[in-house]
Amino acid sequence: MSFRKDESDNSSTDNGQIMQIQLKIQFHSTIKGDLETIESYVQKLKSIANSLAEINNPISNSDMVLQLLAGLPTQYSPFKNTISSMCPLPDFEQASSMLYMQHDLLSLQDREEEKLKAEAGAEKSSGFCTADTFHTVIDTLSIAVAAVGAVGTVCAAASTLGTVVGAVGTVTASRVIVVGAITAVAGWKIWQTVPRK
């Protein structure tokens, strides 16, 4: 069976349109899986975008950034809100770099929380807070202050709006954490001076 030239041209055009539609659907439905690394998620988006560019249907930078944000889990909500409110949006590479930093901060925070939970479980049996645990809490608070400062710095480097929002957020969060730490230190000192039977 032979096809006329115009029928085969229509068939290849239809196949190209079908591929384009499938790739766009795949791109817009890409999310970061629970066990997937940030690197593989970013690479997956780049790969689909490159495939679309090869068939003369490139994805714009803003669409790349917005899909990068849209596919992230809820633990990245503050990061998503910060980046999506920037005007203009950062390019995809900058947004990806900021995402890597945010992921590192969240990982550090998770490790510290697990460490505190493990230590708290061990101390429940003794019935009181030890000096080591107290110092661990203070150290963790200082790490949190540093993390908040780092996020504020990222925002500040990204745009003028980021500078204002990041600085206000950093100062406010730092004050809350420092006041909490001071209160904890004062409580510890008072507790140490109370006579015991």
N, C-alpha and C. Protein backbone atom coordinates (compact mmCIF):
# COMPACT_ATOMS: atom_id res chain seq x y z
N MET A 1 0.84 -1.17 0.00
CA MET A 1 0.00 0.00 0.00
C MET A 1 0.89 1.23 0.00
N SER A 2 0.66 2.09 -0.92
CA SER A 2 1.48 3.29 -1.01
C SER A 2 0.66 4.51 -0.63
N PHE A 3 1.35 5.45 0.01
CA PHE A 3 0.70 6.68 0.40
C PHE A 3 1.16 7.79 -0.52
N ARG A 4 0.24 8.67 -0.76
CA ARG A 4 0.66 9.84 -1.50
C ARG A 4 1.49 10.71 -0.57
N LYS A 5 2.28 11.57 -1.17
CA LYS A 5 3.20 12.39 -0.39
C LYS A 5 2.47 13.26 0.63
N ASP A 6 1.35 13.87 0.26
CA ASP A 6 0.66 14.75 1.20
C ASP A 6 0.04 13.98 2.36
N GLU A 7 -0.35 12.72 2.16
CA GLU A 7 -0.88 11.92 3.25
C GLU A 7 0.22 11.57 4.26
N SER A 8 1.41 11.23 3.77
CA SER A 8 2.52 10.90 4.67
C SER A 8 3.00 12.15 5.41
N ASP A 9 2.95 13.32 4.77
CA ASP A 9 3.31 14.56 5.44
C ASP A 9 2.34 14.86 6.58
N ASN A 10 1.05 14.64 6.33
CA ASN A 10 0.05 14.87 7.38
C ASN A 10 0.26 13.91 8.54
N SER A 11 0.63 12.69 8.24
CA SER A 11 0.86 11.69 9.27
C SER A 11 2.05 12.09 10.15
N SER A 12 3.14 12.55 9.55
CA SER A 12 4.31 12.95 10.34
C SER A 12 4.01 14.22 11.14
N THR A 13 3.21 15.13 10.59
CA THR A 13 2.81 16.34 11.31
C THR A 13 1.95 15.97 12.50
N ASP A 14 1.02 15.03 12.29
CA ASP A 14 0.18 14.58 13.40
C ASP A 14 1.02 13.92 14.49
N ASN A 15 1.99 13.10 14.10
CA ASN A 15 2.86 12.45 15.08
C ASN A 15 3.67 13.49 15.86
N GLY A 16 4.14 14.52 15.17
CA GLY A 16 4.89 15.59 15.84
C GLY A 16 4.03 16.33 16.84
N GLN A 17 2.78 16.60 16.47
CA GLN A 17 1.87 17.30 17.38
C GLN A 17 1.52 16.42 18.58
N ILE A 18 1.34 15.12 18.32
CA ILE A 18 1.04 14.21 19.42
C ILE A 18 2.22 14.15 20.39
N MET A 19 3.43 14.06 19.86
CA MET A 19 4.62 14.03 20.72
C MET A 19 4.74 15.32 21.52
N GLN A 20 4.48 16.44 20.87
CA GLN A 20 4.55 17.74 21.54
C GLN A 20 3.54 17.79 22.70
N ILE A 21 2.33 17.35 22.46
CA ILE A 21 1.29 17.36 23.50
C ILE A 21 1.67 16.44 24.64
N GLN A 22 2.16 15.26 24.31
CA GLN A 22 2.56 14.30 25.36
C GLN A 22 3.69 14.86 26.22
N LEU A 23 4.67 15.50 25.57
CA LEU A 23 5.79 16.07 26.33
C LEU A 23 5.33 17.23 27.22
N LYS A 24 4.42 18.06 26.71
CA LYS A 24 3.92 19.17 27.52
C LYS A 24 3.14 18.65 28.73
N ILE A 25 2.33 17.62 28.51
CA ILE A 25 1.60 17.03 29.64
C ILE A 25 2.58 16.46 30.65
N GLN A 26 3.58 15.76 30.15
CA GLN A 26 4.59 15.18 31.04
C GLN A 26 5.31 16.29 31.82
N PHE A 27 5.65 17.38 31.14
CA PHE A 27 6.35 18.49 31.80
C PHE A 27 5.49 19.09 32.91
N HIS A 28 4.24 19.40 32.59
CA HIS A 28 3.37 20.08 33.56
C HIS A 28 2.88 19.16 34.67
N SER A 29 3.06 17.87 34.54
CA SER A 29 2.65 16.96 35.61
C SER A 29 3.86 16.41 36.39
N THR A 30 5.04 16.92 36.12
CA THR A 30 6.24 16.46 36.81
C THR A 30 6.26 16.99 38.24
N ILE A 31 6.40 16.07 39.18
CA ILE A 31 6.52 16.44 40.60
C ILE A 31 7.72 15.71 41.20
N LYS A 32 8.22 16.25 42.31
CA LYS A 32 9.32 15.58 43.00
C LYS A 32 8.73 14.48 43.85
N GLY A 33 9.13 13.26 43.58
CA GLY A 33 8.68 12.11 44.37
C GLY A 33 9.32 12.11 45.75
N ASP A 34 8.70 11.37 46.68
CA ASP A 34 9.20 11.31 48.06
C ASP A 34 10.63 10.80 48.14
N LEU A 35 10.95 9.81 47.34
CA LEU A 35 12.29 9.21 47.41
C LEU A 35 13.23 9.77 46.35
N GLU A 36 12.76 10.70 45.56
CA GLU A 36 13.55 11.28 44.48
C GLU A 36 14.43 12.41 45.02
N THR A 37 15.65 12.49 44.50
CA THR A 37 16.54 13.57 44.93
C THR A 37 16.18 14.86 44.18
N ILE A 38 16.60 15.96 44.75
CA ILE A 38 16.40 17.26 44.08
C ILE A 38 17.11 17.26 42.73
N GLU A 39 18.31 16.69 42.69
CA GLU A 39 19.08 16.67 41.45
C GLU A 39 18.33 15.93 40.34
N SER A 40 17.75 14.78 40.66
CA SER A 40 17.05 14.02 39.62
C SER A 40 15.76 14.73 39.21
N TYR A 41 15.10 15.41 40.13
CA TYR A 41 13.90 16.18 39.80
C TYR A 41 14.24 17.32 38.83
N VAL A 42 15.28 18.06 39.14
CA VAL A 42 15.71 19.17 38.26
C VAL A 42 16.12 18.63 36.91
N GLN A 43 16.86 17.52 36.90
CA GLN A 43 17.32 16.92 35.64
C GLN A 43 16.14 16.43 34.80
N LYS A 44 15.12 15.90 35.45
CA LYS A 44 13.94 15.42 34.72
C LYS A 44 13.25 16.60 34.00
N LEU A 45 13.11 17.72 34.68
CA LEU A 45 12.51 18.91 34.06
C LEU A 45 13.35 19.40 32.88
N LYS A 46 14.67 19.44 33.07
CA LYS A 46 15.56 19.88 31.99
C LYS A 46 15.45 18.96 30.78
N SER A 47 15.40 17.66 31.02
CA SER A 47 15.34 16.68 29.95
C SER A 47 14.07 16.85 29.10
N ILE A 48 12.94 17.01 29.77
CA ILE A 48 11.68 17.20 29.04
C ILE A 48 11.71 18.51 28.27
N ALA A 49 12.23 19.57 28.89
CA ALA A 49 12.33 20.86 28.21
C ALA A 49 13.23 20.77 26.99
N ASN A 50 14.34 20.04 27.11
CA ASN A 50 15.24 19.86 25.97
C ASN A 50 14.55 19.09 24.84
N SER A 51 13.77 18.07 25.19
CA SER A 51 13.03 17.32 24.17
C SER A 51 12.03 18.20 23.44
N LEU A 52 11.37 19.08 24.18
CA LEU A 52 10.43 20.02 23.54
C LEU A 52 11.18 21.02 22.65
N ALA A 53 12.33 21.47 23.08
CA ALA A 53 13.12 22.41 22.28
C ALA A 53 13.58 21.76 20.97
N GLU A 54 13.88 20.45 21.04
CA GLU A 54 14.33 19.74 19.83
C GLU A 54 13.24 19.65 18.76
N ILE A 55 11.99 19.72 19.17
CA ILE A 55 10.90 19.68 18.18
C ILE A 55 10.30 21.08 17.99
N ASN A 56 11.15 22.09 18.23
CA ASN A 56 10.80 23.50 18.00
C ASN A 56 9.63 23.99 18.84
N ASN A 57 9.58 23.57 20.07
CA ASN A 57 8.56 24.05 20.99
C ASN A 57 9.19 24.26 22.37
N PRO A 58 10.10 25.24 22.48
CA PRO A 58 10.82 25.42 23.75
C PRO A 58 9.91 25.93 24.87
N ILE A 59 10.29 25.60 26.08
CA ILE A 59 9.58 26.06 27.29
C ILE A 59 10.27 27.36 27.73
N SER A 60 9.46 28.37 28.07
CA SER A 60 10.04 29.64 28.51
C SER A 60 10.69 29.48 29.88
N ASN A 61 11.60 30.38 30.20
CA ASN A 61 12.30 30.35 31.49
C ASN A 61 11.30 30.46 32.63
N SER A 62 10.33 31.37 32.52
CA SER A 62 9.37 31.53 33.61
C SER A 62 8.54 30.26 33.81
N ASP A 63 8.16 29.59 32.71
CA ASP A 63 7.42 28.33 32.84
C ASP A 63 8.30 27.25 33.49
N MET A 64 9.58 27.25 33.18
CA MET A 64 10.50 26.29 33.80
C MET A 64 10.56 26.51 35.31
N VAL A 65 10.72 27.77 35.71
CA VAL A 65 10.82 28.10 37.14
C VAL A 65 9.51 27.78 37.86
N LEU A 66 8.39 28.17 37.25
CA LEU A 66 7.10 27.92 37.89
C LEU A 66 6.81 26.43 38.04
N GLN A 67 7.19 25.62 37.05
CA GLN A 67 6.99 24.17 37.17
C GLN A 67 7.95 23.57 38.20
N LEU A 68 9.16 24.11 38.27
CA LEU A 68 10.10 23.66 39.29
C LEU A 68 9.48 23.84 40.67
N LEU A 69 8.84 24.98 40.90
CA LEU A 69 8.20 25.27 42.18
C LEU A 69 6.94 24.45 42.39
N ALA A 70 6.13 24.33 41.34
CA ALA A 70 4.83 23.64 41.45
C ALA A 70 4.99 22.16 41.80
N GLY A 71 6.07 21.55 41.37
CA GLY A 71 6.26 20.12 41.62
C GLY A 71 6.89 19.78 42.95
N LEU A 72 7.17 20.78 43.77
CA LEU A 72 7.81 20.53 45.07
C LEU A 72 6.77 20.16 46.13
N PRO A 73 7.15 19.33 47.11
CA PRO A 73 6.23 18.97 48.19
C PRO A 73 5.98 20.15 49.14
N THR A 74 5.01 19.99 50.03
CA THR A 74 4.57 21.09 50.90
C THR A 74 5.66 21.61 51.84
N GLN A 75 6.65 20.80 52.19
CA GLN A 75 7.70 21.27 53.09
C GLN A 75 8.51 22.41 52.47
N TYR A 76 8.38 22.61 51.16
CA TYR A 76 9.07 23.69 50.46
C TYR A 76 8.18 24.91 50.26
N SER A 77 7.01 24.96 50.89
CA SER A 77 6.06 26.06 50.67
C SER A 77 6.65 27.45 50.90
N PRO A 78 7.39 27.69 51.99
CA PRO A 78 7.96 29.04 52.16
C PRO A 78 8.92 29.40 51.01
N PHE A 79 9.71 28.43 50.59
CA PHE A 79 10.63 28.64 49.46
C PHE A 79 9.84 28.95 48.19
N LYS A 80 8.78 28.18 47.93
CA LYS A 80 7.96 28.38 46.74
C LYS A 80 7.35 29.79 46.74
N ASN A 81 6.84 30.21 47.90
CA ASN A 81 6.24 31.55 47.99
C ASN A 81 7.26 32.65 47.76
N THR A 82 8.44 32.49 48.31
CA THR A 82 9.49 33.50 48.16
C THR A 82 9.89 33.64 46.69
N ILE A 83 10.18 32.53 46.03
CA ILE A 83 10.65 32.59 44.65
C ILE A 83 9.54 33.08 43.71
N SER A 84 8.32 32.57 43.90
CA SER A 84 7.24 32.94 42.99
C SER A 84 6.83 34.40 43.14
N SER A 85 7.17 35.04 44.26
CA SER A 85 6.83 36.45 44.44
C SER A 85 7.91 37.40 43.93
N MET A 86 9.03 36.86 43.46
CA MET A 86 10.10 37.71 42.93
C MET A 86 9.70 38.26 41.57
N CYS A 87 10.04 39.50 41.36
CA CYS A 87 9.74 40.13 40.07
C CYS A 87 11.00 40.85 39.61
N PRO A 88 11.63 40.41 38.57
CA PRO A 88 11.28 39.26 37.73
C PRO A 88 11.71 37.96 38.40
N LEU A 89 11.15 36.88 37.89
CA LEU A 89 11.54 35.56 38.40
C LEU A 89 13.02 35.32 38.10
N PRO A 90 13.71 34.60 38.97
CA PRO A 90 15.10 34.24 38.64
C PRO A 90 15.09 33.26 37.47
N ASP A 91 16.24 33.13 36.80
CA ASP A 91 16.27 32.13 35.73
C ASP A 91 16.29 30.74 36.35
N PHE A 92 16.09 29.74 35.52
CA PHE A 92 15.95 28.36 36.01
C PHE A 92 17.19 27.90 36.78
N GLU A 93 18.36 28.25 36.29
CA GLU A 93 19.59 27.83 36.97
C GLU A 93 19.71 28.46 38.35
N GLN A 94 19.37 29.75 38.47
CA GLN A 94 19.42 30.42 39.77
C GLN A 94 18.40 29.80 40.74
N ALA A 95 17.18 29.57 40.23
CA ALA A 95 16.14 28.98 41.07
C ALA A 95 16.56 27.58 41.52
N SER A 96 17.19 26.83 40.62
CA SER A 96 17.66 25.48 40.98
C SER A 96 18.73 25.56 42.06
N SER A 97 19.66 26.50 41.95
CA SER A 97 20.71 26.68 42.96
C SER A 97 20.10 27.03 44.31
N MET A 98 19.12 27.91 44.31
CA MET A 98 18.45 28.27 45.57
C MET A 98 17.71 27.07 46.14
N LEU A 99 17.14 26.25 45.27
CA LEU A 99 16.45 25.04 45.72
C LEU A 99 17.42 24.07 46.38
N TYR A 100 18.61 23.91 45.81
CA TYR A 100 19.62 23.04 46.42
C TYR A 100 19.98 23.54 47.82
N MET A 101 20.14 24.85 47.97
CA MET A 101 20.48 25.41 49.29
C MET A 101 19.33 25.18 50.27
N GLN A 102 18.10 25.40 49.81
CA GLN A 102 16.94 25.19 50.68
C GLN A 102 16.86 23.72 51.11
N HIS A 103 17.12 22.82 50.19
CA HIS A 103 17.10 21.39 50.50
C HIS A 103 18.14 21.06 51.57
N ASP A 104 19.33 21.63 51.44
CA ASP A 104 20.38 21.40 52.43
C ASP A 104 19.96 21.91 53.81
N LEU A 105 19.31 23.08 53.85
CA LEU A 105 18.84 23.63 55.13
C LEU A 105 17.77 22.73 55.75
N LEU A 106 16.83 22.25 54.93
CA LEU A 106 15.79 21.36 55.44
C LEU A 106 16.38 20.05 55.94
N SER A 107 17.38 19.53 55.24
CA SER A 107 18.03 18.29 55.67
C SER A 107 18.72 18.48 57.01
N LEU A 108 19.42 19.60 57.17
CA LEU A 108 20.08 19.91 58.44
C LEU A 108 19.06 20.01 59.56
N GLN A 109 17.97 20.68 59.28
CA GLN A 109 16.91 20.85 60.28
C GLN A 109 16.33 19.48 60.67
N ASP A 110 16.08 18.62 59.70
CA ASP A 110 15.55 17.28 59.99
C ASP A 110 16.51 16.47 60.86
N ARG A 111 17.81 16.54 60.53
CA ARG A 111 18.80 15.79 61.32
C ARG A 111 18.83 16.30 62.77
N GLU A 112 18.77 17.61 62.94
CA GLU A 112 18.80 18.18 64.29
C GLU A 112 17.55 17.79 65.08
N GLU A 113 16.39 17.79 64.41
CA GLU A 113 15.16 17.40 65.09
C GLU A 113 15.22 15.94 65.52
N GLU A 114 15.73 15.08 64.67
CA GLU A 114 15.87 13.66 65.01
C GLU A 114 16.82 13.48 66.19
N LYS A 115 17.90 14.24 66.18
CA LYS A 115 18.88 14.15 67.27
C LYS A 115 18.23 14.58 68.59
N LEU A 116 17.46 15.67 68.56
CA LEU A 116 16.80 16.14 69.77
C LEU A 116 15.76 15.15 70.25
N LYS A 117 15.02 14.54 69.32
CA LYS A 117 14.01 13.55 69.71
C LYS A 117 14.67 12.35 70.38
N ALA A 118 15.78 11.91 69.83
CA ALA A 118 16.49 10.77 70.40
C ALA A 118 17.00 11.11 71.81
N GLU A 119 17.55 12.29 71.97
CA GLU A 119 18.05 12.70 73.27
C GLU A 119 16.92 12.90 74.26
N ALA A 120 15.80 13.45 73.80
CA ALA A 120 14.65 13.67 74.68
C ALA A 120 14.09 12.33 75.15
N GLY A 121 14.06 11.35 74.29
CA GLY A 121 13.58 10.02 74.65
C GLY A 121 14.46 9.39 75.72
N ALA A 122 15.76 9.59 75.62
CA ALA A 122 16.69 9.02 76.59
C ALA A 122 16.54 9.70 77.95
N GLU A 123 16.20 10.99 77.95
CA GLU A 123 16.11 11.72 79.21
C GLU A 123 14.76 11.56 79.89
N LYS A 124 13.75 11.12 79.17
CA LYS A 124 12.45 10.94 79.80
C LYS A 124 12.54 9.95 80.95
N SER A 125 13.41 8.99 80.81
CA SER A 125 13.55 8.00 81.88
C SER A 125 14.19 8.60 83.12
N SER A 126 15.02 9.64 82.98
CA SER A 126 15.68 10.22 84.14
C SER A 126 14.81 11.25 84.83
N GLY A 127 13.83 11.81 84.14
CA GLY A 127 12.88 12.71 84.77
C GLY A 127 13.29 14.16 84.83
N PHE A 128 14.46 14.55 84.35
CA PHE A 128 14.83 15.96 84.36
C PHE A 128 15.76 16.26 83.20
N CYS A 129 15.92 17.54 82.94
CA CYS A 129 16.75 18.02 81.83
C CYS A 129 18.19 18.13 82.31
N THR A 130 19.09 17.53 81.57
CA THR A 130 20.51 17.62 81.93
C THR A 130 21.14 18.85 81.30
N ALA A 131 22.30 19.21 81.79
CA ALA A 131 23.03 20.36 81.23
C ALA A 131 23.40 20.10 79.78
N ASP A 132 23.75 18.85 79.46
CA ASP A 132 24.12 18.52 78.07
C ASP A 132 22.95 18.74 77.13
N THR A 133 21.77 18.32 77.56
CA THR A 133 20.58 18.52 76.71
C THR A 133 20.29 20.00 76.55
N PHE A 134 20.40 20.72 77.63
CA PHE A 134 20.16 22.15 77.56
C PHE A 134 21.11 22.82 76.56
N HIS A 135 22.38 22.47 76.62
CA HIS A 135 23.36 23.05 75.69
C HIS A 135 23.09 22.60 74.26
N THR A 136 22.62 21.38 74.07
CA THR A 136 22.26 20.90 72.74
C THR A 136 21.11 21.72 72.17
N VAL A 137 20.13 22.02 73.01
CA VAL A 137 19.00 22.85 72.56
C VAL A 137 19.50 24.23 72.15
N ILE A 138 20.36 24.82 72.94
CA ILE A 138 20.90 26.15 72.62
C ILE A 138 21.70 26.09 71.32
N ASP A 139 22.51 25.04 71.14
CA ASP A 139 23.27 24.88 69.89
C ASP A 139 22.33 24.75 68.70
N THR A 140 21.26 24.01 68.86
CA THR A 140 20.29 23.84 67.77
C THR A 140 19.62 25.16 67.44
N LEU A 141 19.30 25.93 68.47
CA LEU A 141 18.71 27.25 68.22
C LEU A 141 19.67 28.14 67.45
N SER A 142 20.94 28.08 67.75
CA SER A 142 21.91 28.90 67.02
C SER A 142 22.02 28.45 65.57
N ILE A 143 21.90 27.13 65.33
CA ILE A 143 21.91 26.63 63.94
C ILE A 143 20.68 27.14 63.21
N ALA A 144 19.54 27.15 63.90
CA ALA A 144 18.31 27.64 63.28
C ALA A 144 18.44 29.13 62.94
N VAL A 145 19.05 29.91 63.84
CA VAL A 145 19.27 31.33 63.55
C VAL A 145 20.15 31.49 62.32
N ALA A 146 21.19 30.68 62.22
CA ALA A 146 22.08 30.74 61.06
C ALA A 146 21.34 30.36 59.78
N ALA A 147 20.47 29.35 59.87
CA ALA A 147 19.71 28.92 58.70
C ALA A 147 18.75 30.02 58.25
N VAL A 148 18.08 30.65 59.20
CA VAL A 148 17.18 31.75 58.86
C VAL A 148 17.97 32.88 58.22
N GLY A 149 19.14 33.15 58.74
CA GLY A 149 20.00 34.19 58.15
C GLY A 149 20.42 33.84 56.73
N ALA A 150 20.72 32.56 56.49
CA ALA A 150 21.13 32.12 55.15
C ALA A 150 19.98 32.29 54.16
N VAL A 151 18.77 31.93 54.58
CA VAL A 151 17.61 32.10 53.70
C VAL A 151 17.39 33.58 53.41
N GLY A 152 17.54 34.41 54.42
CA GLY A 152 17.41 35.85 54.22
C GLY A 152 18.46 36.37 53.25
N THR A 153 19.68 35.83 53.32
CA THR A 153 20.75 36.24 52.42
C THR A 153 20.43 35.84 50.98
N VAL A 154 19.89 34.65 50.79
CA VAL A 154 19.50 34.21 49.44
C VAL A 154 18.45 35.15 48.87
N CYS A 155 17.47 35.48 49.70
CA CYS A 155 16.42 36.40 49.24
C CYS A 155 17.02 37.76 48.89
N ALA A 156 17.95 38.21 49.72
CA ALA A 156 18.55 39.51 49.50
C ALA A 156 19.34 39.54 48.20
N ALA A 157 20.02 38.45 47.88
CA ALA A 157 20.81 38.40 46.66
C ALA A 157 19.93 38.32 45.42
N ALA A 158 18.73 37.84 45.56
CA ALA A 158 17.87 37.62 44.40
C ALA A 158 17.23 38.91 43.90
N SER A 159 16.76 39.77 44.77
CA SER A 159 16.11 41.00 44.31
C SER A 159 15.99 41.99 45.46
N THR A 160 15.64 43.22 45.14
CA THR A 160 15.45 44.23 46.17
C THR A 160 14.31 43.86 47.08
N LEU A 161 13.23 43.36 46.52
CA LEU A 161 12.12 42.90 47.33
C LEU A 161 12.57 41.78 48.25
N GLY A 162 13.39 40.89 47.72
CA GLY A 162 13.93 39.80 48.53
C GLY A 162 14.76 40.33 49.69
N THR A 163 15.46 41.45 49.46
CA THR A 163 16.27 42.05 50.51
C THR A 163 15.39 42.51 51.67
N VAL A 164 14.33 43.21 51.34
CA VAL A 164 13.44 43.72 52.38
C VAL A 164 12.77 42.57 53.11
N VAL A 165 12.18 41.64 52.36
CA VAL A 165 11.47 40.51 52.96
C VAL A 165 12.44 39.64 53.75
N GLY A 166 13.59 39.33 53.17
CA GLY A 166 14.57 38.47 53.84
C GLY A 166 15.10 39.11 55.11
N ALA A 167 15.40 40.42 55.05
CA ALA A 167 15.94 41.09 56.22
C ALA A 167 14.92 41.16 57.34
N VAL A 168 13.68 41.53 57.00
CA VAL A 168 12.63 41.60 58.02
C VAL A 168 12.38 40.22 58.61
N GLY A 169 12.30 39.20 57.75
CA GLY A 169 12.08 37.83 58.23
C GLY A 169 13.22 37.35 59.09
N THR A 170 14.45 37.65 58.69
CA THR A 170 15.62 37.22 59.45
C THR A 170 15.66 37.89 60.81
N VAL A 171 15.45 39.21 60.83
CA VAL A 171 15.49 39.95 62.09
C VAL A 171 14.39 39.45 63.02
N THR A 172 13.18 39.30 62.49
CA THR A 172 12.06 38.86 63.31
C THR A 172 12.31 37.46 63.86
N ALA A 173 12.69 36.54 62.99
CA ALA A 173 12.94 35.16 63.43
C ALA A 173 14.10 35.10 64.41
N SER A 174 15.15 35.87 64.13
CA SER A 174 16.31 35.87 65.03
C SER A 174 15.93 36.40 66.41
N ARG A 175 15.13 37.45 66.45
CA ARG A 175 14.70 38.01 67.74
C ARG A 175 13.89 36.98 68.52
N VAL A 176 12.98 36.30 67.85
CA VAL A 176 12.16 35.31 68.52
C VAL A 176 13.04 34.20 69.09
N ILE A 177 13.98 33.73 68.30
CA ILE A 177 14.85 32.63 68.74
C ILE A 177 15.76 33.09 69.87
N VAL A 178 16.32 34.29 69.75
CA VAL A 178 17.21 34.79 70.80
C VAL A 178 16.44 35.00 72.10
N VAL A 179 15.22 35.57 72.01
CA VAL A 179 14.41 35.77 73.22
C VAL A 179 14.10 34.42 73.86
N GLY A 180 13.78 33.43 73.04
CA GLY A 180 13.52 32.08 73.56
C GLY A 180 14.75 31.50 74.24
N ALA A 181 15.90 31.70 73.64
CA ALA A 181 17.15 31.18 74.21
C ALA A 181 17.47 31.88 75.53
N ILE A 182 17.28 33.19 75.59
CA ILE A 182 17.55 33.94 76.81
C ILE A 182 16.61 33.48 77.92
N THR A 183 15.34 33.30 77.57
CA THR A 183 14.37 32.81 78.55
C THR A 183 14.76 31.43 79.06
N ALA A 184 15.21 30.57 78.16
CA ALA A 184 15.63 29.22 78.56
C ALA A 184 16.84 29.28 79.48
N VAL A 185 17.81 30.14 79.16
CA VAL A 185 19.00 30.28 80.00
C VAL A 185 18.61 30.78 81.39
N ALA A 186 17.73 31.78 81.43
CA ALA A 186 17.29 32.32 82.72
C ALA A 186 16.57 31.23 83.52
N GLY A 187 15.72 30.48 82.86
CA GLY A 187 15.01 29.39 83.54
C GLY A 187 15.96 28.35 84.08
N TRP A 188 16.98 28.02 83.31
CA TRP A 188 17.97 27.03 83.73
C TRP A 188 18.72 27.53 84.96
N LYS A 189 19.12 28.80 84.95
CA LYS A 189 19.86 29.36 86.07
C LYS A 189 18.99 29.37 87.33
N ILE A 190 17.72 29.74 87.19
CA ILE A 190 16.81 29.75 88.34
C ILE A 190 16.64 28.33 88.87
N TRP A 191 16.46 27.38 87.96
CA TRP A 191 16.27 25.99 88.35
C TRP A 191 17.48 25.47 89.12
N GLN A 192 18.67 25.90 88.71
CA GLN A 192 19.89 25.44 89.39
C GLN A 192 19.99 25.98 90.81
N THR A 193 19.39 27.17 91.07
CA THR A 193 19.52 27.79 92.39
C THR A 193 18.47 27.32 93.36
N VAL A 194 17.43 26.65 92.89
CA VAL A 194 16.37 26.18 93.78
C VAL A 194 16.91 25.04 94.64
N PRO A 195 16.79 25.17 95.95
CA PRO A 195 17.31 24.10 96.84
C PRO A 195 16.51 22.81 96.65
N ARG A 196 17.20 21.70 96.69
CA ARG A 196 16.59 20.38 96.53
C ARG A 196 16.68 19.63 97.87
N LYS A 197 15.74 18.77 98.11
CA LYS A 197 15.77 17.94 99.33
C LYS A 197 16.54 16.69 99.07
